[in-house]
Amino acid sequence: MIAKLIVQGATREEALKRMQIALESFVVEGVKTTMPFLARVMQHPGFQAGKVHTKWLEFEGADLLKEPT
């Protein structure tokens, strides 16, 4: 693990906004990270609505793994 990014907010929506801002401004050089993937997860409507479960990535993961062109 290189770093751990933790945010909190009074509401889920506030925490999601803070995480999105943090992911956009976080810089790690020299190695590949999962931050672009995490940013896509954070923007997914199902994740934002809290409609996730332990198998959620199995259902949504294929689309989230594709980097935008």
Protein backbone atom coordinates (compact mmCIF):
# COMPACT_ATOMS: atom_id res chain seq x y z
CA MET A 1 0.00 0.00 0.00
CA ILE A 2 1.34 3.43 -0.94
CA ALA A 3 -1.25 5.56 0.81
CA LYS A 4 -4.69 5.44 2.35
CA LEU A 5 -7.22 8.12 1.53
CA ILE A 6 -10.05 8.61 4.00
CA VAL A 7 -12.79 11.24 3.90
CA GLN A 8 -15.85 11.87 5.98
CA GLY A 9 -18.89 14.07 5.78
CA ALA A 10 -22.10 14.79 7.62
CA THR A 11 -23.98 12.93 4.86
CA ARG A 12 -23.09 10.29 2.27
CA GLU A 13 -23.41 12.92 -0.45
CA GLU A 14 -20.95 15.23 1.31
CA ALA A 15 -18.46 12.39 1.81
CA LEU A 16 -18.77 11.40 -1.86
CA LYS A 17 -18.07 14.98 -2.98
CA ARG A 18 -15.06 15.18 -0.69
CA MET A 19 -13.72 11.86 -2.00
CA GLN A 20 -14.17 12.96 -5.60
CA ILE A 21 -12.25 16.18 -4.92
CA ALA A 22 -9.55 14.26 -3.06
CA LEU A 23 -9.15 11.72 -5.87
CA GLU A 24 -8.93 14.49 -8.47
CA SER A 25 -6.19 16.31 -6.56
CA PHE A 26 -4.21 13.33 -5.21
CA VAL A 27 -0.94 12.80 -7.10
CA VAL A 28 1.13 9.62 -7.07
CA GLU A 29 4.06 9.50 -9.48
CA GLY A 30 6.17 6.62 -10.67
CA VAL A 31 3.65 3.79 -10.29
CA LYS A 32 0.22 2.93 -11.64
CA THR A 33 -2.61 3.32 -9.16
CA THR A 34 -6.27 2.38 -8.99
CA MET A 35 -7.33 6.01 -8.51
CA PRO A 36 -8.95 6.36 -11.98
CA PHE A 37 -10.97 3.20 -11.26
CA LEU A 38 -11.95 4.50 -7.81
CA ALA A 39 -13.06 7.80 -9.37
CA ARG A 40 -15.32 5.88 -11.80
CA VAL A 41 -16.75 3.85 -8.89
CA MET A 42 -17.47 7.06 -6.97
CA GLN A 43 -19.32 8.53 -9.98
CA HIS A 44 -21.47 5.45 -10.58
CA PRO A 45 -25.16 6.22 -9.84
CA GLY A 46 -25.62 2.91 -7.99
CA PHE A 47 -22.65 3.62 -5.72
CA GLN A 48 -23.78 7.19 -5.10
CA ALA A 49 -27.23 5.93 -4.12
CA GLY A 50 -25.69 3.39 -1.73
CA LYS A 51 -27.11 0.48 -3.70
CA VAL A 52 -24.01 -1.67 -3.40
CA HIS A 53 -23.43 -5.12 -1.95
CA THR A 54 -20.59 -7.60 -1.72
CA LYS A 55 -21.13 -8.79 -5.32
CA TRP A 56 -21.69 -5.29 -6.76
CA LEU A 57 -18.33 -5.16 -8.53
CA GLU A 58 -19.00 -8.53 -10.14
CA PHE A 59 -22.05 -6.98 -11.83
CA GLU A 60 -20.72 -3.48 -12.53
CA GLY A 61 -16.98 -4.10 -12.60
CA ALA A 62 -16.59 -4.79 -16.32
CA ASP A 63 -17.89 -1.34 -17.25
CA LEU A 64 -15.93 0.35 -14.47
CA LEU A 65 -12.65 -1.26 -15.52
CA LYS A 66 -12.88 0.31 -18.99
CA GLU A 67 -11.02 3.60 -19.05
CA PRO A 68 -12.89 6.35 -20.89
CA THR A 69 -11.59 7.10 -24.39
